[in-house]
Amino acid sequence: MNKNPSRGQASAHFLFQQLSKPYGYLVQSSGALHLFLILLHQDFEDFFSQGFNSKLARISLMAQTRIVQSHPALILEEKKRHLIVTDLHIGFESTLAANDIYVEPKTIVQETLDELTSLIESEKPDSLILLGDIKSSIDSISNAEWQAVPLFFEIAKKIDTMLVPGNHDGNIQKLLPNEVRLASSSGVVIEDTLLTHGHTMPSENLSHIKKIVMGHVHPVFFREGSVLDGQRVWVSLRTEKSSLFPSTKGELEIIIVPTFNKYFYATHKRYYKKSISPILEHVKNFKSAKIVTLDGSIIGNESLLESVI
């Protein structure tokens, strides 16, 4: 057998090398070259409409999510990496004062900035996405918010920042620097995932999504006597898509992100008021649920939902 490649094979090998430079480790593989020659021989669209390659095409449209251990922050990854946090409620300190807890708003903001900066340095995200309720007042802007919220948005000088406004973010555009992108209150879609605050219902034309990431309801575990009493937790729910999109079949995952503000529930359960989400109100039956601590430990299932949301 003649081991010297023909001119046609040599040309194909050169073309393969040029097109596959980002995947240089494949160039030496005869199997990879063989696959490339098949691609040259077959119609491109037909090839990707059948077999395992169509699955690869679908996988490329799925965003991956993971929690950042020991932090109420989520990473969403597709072509880019996004750091997601929610529910800072800057300006809520008057509520703490009513319970004899006194904290300076600017002190809380600085602690928040320090934690976010540390996460940005360790996770190296391309953008920061805030899922709403940056401030505490619903429609107005308090004196504390006029001072503290712009201080928080200094973070936008370090990283591309987007805000999906929540129900407490009325008039927040008056506090935003030019660097912050303000999205619609209905949320934004990245690949197959809807990022929303959680106080509005998703439109029927979003029925293609497979996952919702939301805040708004501030999941906290309350059980007297438990070492976890009052601790922020993650909630992951699985349900039928038809619960939210009646004409659509399939499964939907809902991830509820805990508040980023560690002081928010520094109070007794009797002061705790649940937030109501139309998304969760429409989901009558959950196929399964996981309650997860900030450090990643699973502490319960759907039987504990009443205790945390």
Protein backbone atom coordinates (compact mmCIF):
# COMPACT_ATOMS: atom_id res chain seq x y z
CA MET A 1 0.00 0.00 0.00
CA ASN A 2 1.24 3.46 -0.90
CA LYS A 3 1.49 5.38 2.41
CA ASN A 4 2.18 8.69 0.69
CA PRO A 5 -0.97 10.82 0.58
CA SER A 6 -2.42 11.83 -2.75
CA ARG A 7 -2.52 15.50 -3.69
CA GLY A 8 -6.24 15.54 -2.90
CA GLN A 9 -5.70 14.02 0.50
CA ALA A 10 -2.83 16.40 1.22
CA SER A 11 -4.99 19.38 0.27
CA ALA A 12 -7.79 18.15 2.48
CA HIS A 13 -5.36 17.62 5.34
CA PHE A 14 -4.06 21.18 4.93
CA LEU A 15 -7.61 22.56 4.88
CA PHE A 16 -8.46 20.50 7.95
CA GLN A 17 -5.44 21.92 9.76
CA GLN A 18 -6.45 25.48 8.94
CA LEU A 19 -10.08 25.08 10.00
CA SER A 20 -9.27 23.13 13.14
CA LYS A 21 -6.55 25.31 14.63
CA PRO A 22 -8.68 25.95 17.75
CA TYR A 23 -8.78 22.15 18.14
CA GLY A 24 -5.16 21.43 17.30
CA TYR A 25 -5.04 18.26 19.36
CA LEU A 26 -7.33 16.63 16.79
CA VAL A 27 -5.13 17.30 13.78
CA GLN A 28 -2.95 14.23 14.37
CA SER A 29 -6.00 11.96 14.60
CA SER A 30 -6.67 9.90 11.48
CA GLY A 31 -10.22 9.42 12.72
CA ALA A 32 -10.74 13.17 12.92
CA LEU A 33 -9.33 13.57 9.39
CA HIS A 34 -11.63 10.82 8.16
CA LEU A 35 -14.64 12.59 9.67
CA PHE A 36 -13.55 15.84 8.03
CA LEU A 37 -13.30 14.12 4.62
CA ILE A 38 -16.85 12.84 5.10
CA LEU A 39 -17.97 16.39 5.79
CA LEU A 40 -16.42 17.49 2.52
CA HIS A 41 -18.21 14.73 0.68
CA GLN A 42 -21.69 15.19 2.13
CA ASP A 43 -24.08 18.06 2.05
CA PHE A 44 -23.46 20.09 5.22
CA GLU A 45 -27.08 20.69 6.19
CA ASP A 46 -28.08 17.06 5.60
CA PHE A 47 -25.19 15.88 7.74
CA PHE A 48 -26.23 18.00 10.71
CA SER A 49 -29.90 17.13 10.42
CA GLN A 50 -29.41 13.47 11.32
CA GLY A 51 -27.55 11.13 13.66
CA PHE A 52 -25.47 12.14 16.66
CA ASN A 53 -24.41 15.41 15.09
CA SER A 54 -27.93 16.78 15.38
CA LYS A 55 -27.70 16.01 19.09
CA LEU A 56 -24.45 17.90 19.28
CA ALA A 57 -26.13 20.88 17.67
CA ARG A 58 -28.88 20.78 20.28
CA ILE A 59 -26.44 20.44 23.16
CA SER A 60 -24.66 23.59 22.03
CA LEU A 61 -27.89 25.51 22.69
CA MET A 62 -28.15 24.40 26.32
CA ALA A 63 -26.82 26.72 29.00
CA GLN A 64 -25.22 25.00 31.99
CA THR A 65 -25.83 26.21 35.55
CA ARG A 66 -24.02 25.57 38.82
CA ILE A 67 -24.11 27.14 42.24
CA VAL A 68 -21.00 28.83 43.64
CA GLN A 69 -20.27 26.87 46.79
CA SER A 70 -20.80 28.78 50.05
CA HIS A 71 -22.20 31.79 48.19
CA PRO A 72 -25.76 32.72 47.10
CA ALA A 73 -24.53 33.08 43.53
CA LEU A 74 -25.12 31.09 40.36
CA ILE A 75 -22.92 30.58 37.31
CA LEU A 76 -24.66 30.24 33.95
CA GLU A 77 -22.38 29.19 31.15
CA GLU A 78 -22.82 29.04 27.39
CA LYS A 79 -20.47 30.81 25.00
CA LYS A 80 -19.94 33.24 27.85
CA ARG A 81 -19.92 32.84 31.61
CA HIS A 82 -22.44 34.84 33.65
CA LEU A 83 -22.47 35.44 37.41
CA ILE A 84 -26.04 35.74 38.73
CA VAL A 85 -27.16 37.21 42.07
CA THR A 86 -30.45 38.64 43.29
CA ASP A 87 -32.39 40.49 45.97
CA LEU A 88 -29.87 42.83 47.60
CA HIS A 89 -32.64 45.07 49.04
CA ILE A 90 -30.30 47.98 49.70
CA GLY A 91 -32.05 50.37 52.08
CA PHE A 92 -33.89 47.74 54.12
CA GLU A 93 -31.92 48.69 57.23
CA SER A 94 -34.90 50.46 58.77
CA THR A 95 -36.49 47.02 59.15
CA LEU A 96 -33.45 45.82 61.07
CA ALA A 97 -33.54 48.90 63.30
CA ALA A 98 -37.12 48.01 64.26
CA ASN A 99 -35.68 44.75 65.60
CA ASP A 100 -32.85 46.52 67.49
CA ILE A 101 -30.24 45.64 64.86
CA TYR A 102 -28.33 48.68 63.62
CA VAL A 103 -26.24 48.51 60.45
CA GLU A 104 -24.97 51.37 58.32
CA PRO A 105 -26.28 51.01 54.71
CA LYS A 106 -22.90 51.91 53.20
CA THR A 107 -21.25 49.24 55.36
CA ILE A 108 -23.56 46.57 53.94
CA VAL A 109 -22.96 47.81 50.40
CA GLN A 110 -19.19 47.68 50.87
CA GLU A 111 -19.41 44.13 52.22
CA THR A 112 -21.51 43.21 49.18
CA LEU A 113 -19.00 44.78 46.80
CA ASP A 114 -16.13 42.95 48.50
CA GLU A 115 -17.90 39.59 48.16
CA LEU A 116 -18.85 40.20 44.52
CA THR A 117 -15.32 41.34 43.68
CA SER A 118 -13.94 38.16 45.23
CA LEU A 119 -16.38 36.05 43.16
CA ILE A 120 -15.47 37.90 39.98
CA GLU A 121 -11.79 37.26 40.62
CA SER A 122 -12.29 33.56 41.38
CA GLU A 123 -14.97 32.68 38.80
CA LYS A 124 -13.82 35.05 36.03
CA PRO A 125 -17.29 35.67 34.56
CA ASP A 126 -17.85 37.72 31.41
CA SER A 127 -20.83 39.50 32.92
CA LEU A 128 -22.79 40.10 36.12
CA ILE A 129 -26.57 39.65 35.90
CA LEU A 130 -28.67 41.05 38.75
CA LEU A 131 -32.13 39.49 39.04
CA GLY A 132 -33.83 42.44 40.66
CA ASP A 133 -34.77 44.05 43.97
CA ILE A 134 -31.51 45.93 44.22
CA LYS A 135 -33.24 48.50 46.42
CA SER A 136 -35.85 48.05 49.12
CA SER A 137 -38.48 50.74 48.47
CA ILE A 138 -41.06 49.64 45.90
CA ASP A 139 -41.94 52.84 43.99
CA SER A 140 -40.06 55.61 45.78
CA ILE A 141 -36.37 56.12 46.47
CA SER A 142 -35.38 56.63 50.10
CA ASN A 143 -32.56 58.90 51.25
CA ALA A 144 -30.48 55.84 52.14
CA GLU A 145 -31.03 54.40 48.65
CA TRP A 146 -30.01 57.65 46.95
CA GLN A 147 -26.66 57.34 48.69
CA ALA A 148 -26.05 53.58 48.83
CA VAL A 149 -27.40 52.23 45.50
CA PRO A 150 -25.04 54.31 43.27
CA LEU A 151 -22.18 53.15 45.50
CA PHE A 152 -23.14 49.53 44.79
CA PHE A 153 -23.22 50.10 41.03
CA GLU A 154 -19.53 51.00 41.14
CA ILE A 155 -19.24 47.27 40.39
CA ALA A 156 -20.14 48.06 36.77
CA LYS A 157 -16.70 49.62 36.33
CA LYS A 158 -15.19 46.17 36.88
CA ILE A 159 -17.54 43.96 34.86
CA ASP A 160 -20.27 44.14 32.22
CA THR A 161 -23.44 44.46 34.31
CA MET A 162 -27.11 43.88 33.49
CA LEU A 163 -30.11 44.48 35.74
CA VAL A 164 -33.37 42.59 35.35
CA PRO A 165 -35.61 44.82 37.52
CA GLY A 166 -37.79 43.41 40.26
CA ASN A 167 -40.93 44.69 41.95
CA HIS A 168 -38.86 46.80 44.39
CA ASP A 169 -36.92 48.56 41.64
CA GLY A 170 -39.37 51.32 40.75
CA ASN A 171 -37.57 54.39 39.35
CA ILE A 172 -34.22 52.66 39.71
CA GLN A 173 -33.14 54.02 36.32
CA LYS A 174 -32.52 57.31 38.17
CA LEU A 175 -29.80 55.56 40.17
CA LEU A 176 -28.09 53.66 37.35
CA PRO A 177 -24.80 54.70 35.77
CA ASN A 178 -24.47 54.50 31.99
CA GLU A 179 -22.45 51.29 32.26
CA VAL A 180 -25.43 49.25 33.55
CA ARG A 181 -27.78 47.71 31.00
CA LEU A 182 -31.41 47.75 32.13
CA ALA A 183 -33.38 44.76 30.81
CA SER A 184 -37.14 44.25 30.66
CA SER A 185 -38.88 43.28 33.89
CA SER A 186 -40.12 40.16 32.08
CA GLY A 187 -36.54 38.90 32.02
CA VAL A 188 -33.94 37.83 29.50
CA VAL A 189 -33.42 34.50 27.75
CA ILE A 190 -29.97 32.99 27.34
CA GLU A 191 -30.08 29.86 25.18
CA ASP A 192 -32.71 27.62 26.85
CA THR A 193 -32.85 29.53 30.16
CA LEU A 194 -35.10 32.40 31.29
CA LEU A 195 -33.54 34.75 33.83
CA THR A 196 -36.24 36.70 35.64
CA HIS A 197 -36.93 38.26 39.02
CA GLY A 198 -40.00 36.08 39.49
CA HIS A 199 -42.80 38.59 40.05
CA THR A 200 -44.19 38.33 36.50
CA MET A 201 -45.49 35.44 34.42
CA PRO A 202 -43.40 34.39 31.41
CA SER A 203 -45.01 34.90 28.03
CA GLU A 204 -46.38 31.92 26.11
CA ASN A 205 -43.87 32.63 23.34
CA LEU A 206 -41.12 31.52 25.76
CA SER A 207 -42.44 27.97 25.87
CA HIS A 208 -39.20 26.67 24.30
CA ILE A 209 -37.23 27.32 27.49
CA LYS A 210 -36.17 24.39 29.67
CA LYS A 211 -35.14 26.28 32.77
CA ILE A 212 -36.18 29.34 34.78
CA VAL A 213 -33.75 31.05 37.15
CA MET A 214 -35.50 33.46 39.50
CA GLY A 215 -35.27 35.25 42.85
CA HIS A 216 -38.09 37.19 44.55
CA VAL A 217 -39.23 34.61 47.14
CA HIS A 218 -36.04 34.60 49.28
CA PRO A 219 -35.93 30.91 50.27
CA VAL A 220 -34.90 30.53 53.92
CA PHE A 221 -34.99 27.41 56.09
CA PHE A 222 -36.84 27.92 59.36
CA ARG A 223 -36.91 25.24 62.04
CA GLU A 224 -36.52 26.07 65.70
CA GLY A 225 -33.68 24.18 67.33
CA SER A 226 -31.97 23.40 64.04
CA VAL A 227 -28.43 24.69 63.39
CA LEU A 228 -29.78 25.71 59.96
CA ASP A 229 -32.62 27.81 61.36
CA GLY A 230 -32.77 31.11 59.46
CA GLN A 231 -30.22 30.03 56.85
CA ARG A 232 -30.59 30.97 53.19
CA VAL A 233 -31.10 27.98 50.89
CA TRP A 234 -31.38 27.11 47.21
CA VAL A 235 -34.52 25.53 45.78
CA SER A 236 -34.60 23.45 42.61
CA LEU A 237 -38.01 22.37 41.32
CA ARG A 238 -39.01 20.13 38.44
CA THR A 239 -42.47 20.32 36.92
CA GLU A 240 -44.35 19.82 33.68
CA LYS A 241 -44.02 22.68 31.20
CA SER A 242 -47.77 22.66 30.76
CA SER A 243 -48.10 24.20 34.25
CA LEU A 244 -46.87 27.49 32.77
CA PHE A 245 -47.27 26.88 29.06
CA PRO A 246 -50.53 24.93 28.59
CA SER A 247 -49.90 23.99 24.95
CA THR A 248 -46.36 22.69 25.54
CA LYS A 249 -45.16 19.27 26.68
CA GLY A 250 -41.92 18.45 28.44
CA GLU A 251 -40.16 19.11 31.73
CA LEU A 252 -39.21 22.46 33.21
CA GLU A 253 -36.67 23.17 35.94
CA ILE A 254 -37.09 26.21 38.21
CA ILE A 255 -34.07 27.36 40.22
CA ILE A 256 -34.79 29.82 43.02
CA VAL A 257 -31.73 31.86 43.97
CA PRO A 258 -31.43 32.97 47.64
CA THR A 259 -31.01 36.63 48.52
CA PHE A 260 -27.44 37.91 48.34
CA ASN A 261 -28.05 40.02 51.44
CA LYS A 262 -26.92 38.02 54.47
CA TYR A 263 -28.61 40.45 56.88
CA PHE A 264 -32.02 40.23 55.24
CA TYR A 265 -33.37 37.57 57.61
CA ALA A 266 -31.42 38.47 60.74
CA THR A 267 -34.70 38.36 62.60
CA HIS A 268 -37.20 35.93 64.12
CA LYS A 269 -39.52 33.91 61.92
CA ARG A 270 -42.55 35.87 63.11
CA TYR A 271 -41.26 38.91 61.21
CA TYR A 272 -40.86 36.85 58.03
CA LYS A 273 -43.32 37.62 55.27
CA LYS A 274 -43.42 35.36 52.21
CA SER A 275 -43.28 36.89 48.76
CA ILE A 276 -45.77 35.52 46.25
CA SER A 277 -44.64 34.57 42.76
CA PRO A 278 -47.19 34.02 39.97
CA ILE A 279 -44.78 31.47 38.50
CA LEU A 280 -44.95 29.29 41.61
CA GLU A 281 -48.67 29.97 42.05
CA HIS A 282 -49.33 28.45 38.63
CA VAL A 283 -47.30 25.33 39.35
CA LYS A 284 -49.69 23.22 41.40
CA ASN A 285 -47.77 19.96 41.31
CA PHE A 286 -44.00 19.56 41.43
CA LYS A 287 -42.52 16.33 40.11
CA SER A 288 -39.59 16.74 42.49
CA ALA A 289 -37.75 19.34 44.54
CA LYS A 290 -34.39 19.76 46.24
CA ILE A 291 -33.61 22.10 49.12
CA VAL A 292 -29.89 22.84 49.16
CA THR A 293 -27.76 24.81 51.63
CA LEU A 294 -25.24 27.40 50.48
CA ASP A 295 -22.44 24.86 50.92
CA GLY A 296 -24.21 22.43 48.57
CA SER A 297 -25.73 19.98 51.04
CA ILE A 298 -29.17 18.62 50.15
CA ILE A 299 -31.35 18.91 53.26
CA GLY A 300 -34.81 18.11 51.93
CA ASN A 301 -37.26 17.58 49.11
CA GLU A 302 -40.71 18.78 48.12
CA SER A 303 -42.04 17.97 51.60
CA LEU A 304 -40.06 20.96 52.96
CA LEU A 305 -41.22 23.54 50.41
CA GLU A 306 -43.79 25.04 52.75
CA SER A 307 -40.97 25.78 55.20
CA VAL A 308 -38.76 27.69 52.78
CA ILE A 309 -40.91 29.48 50.18
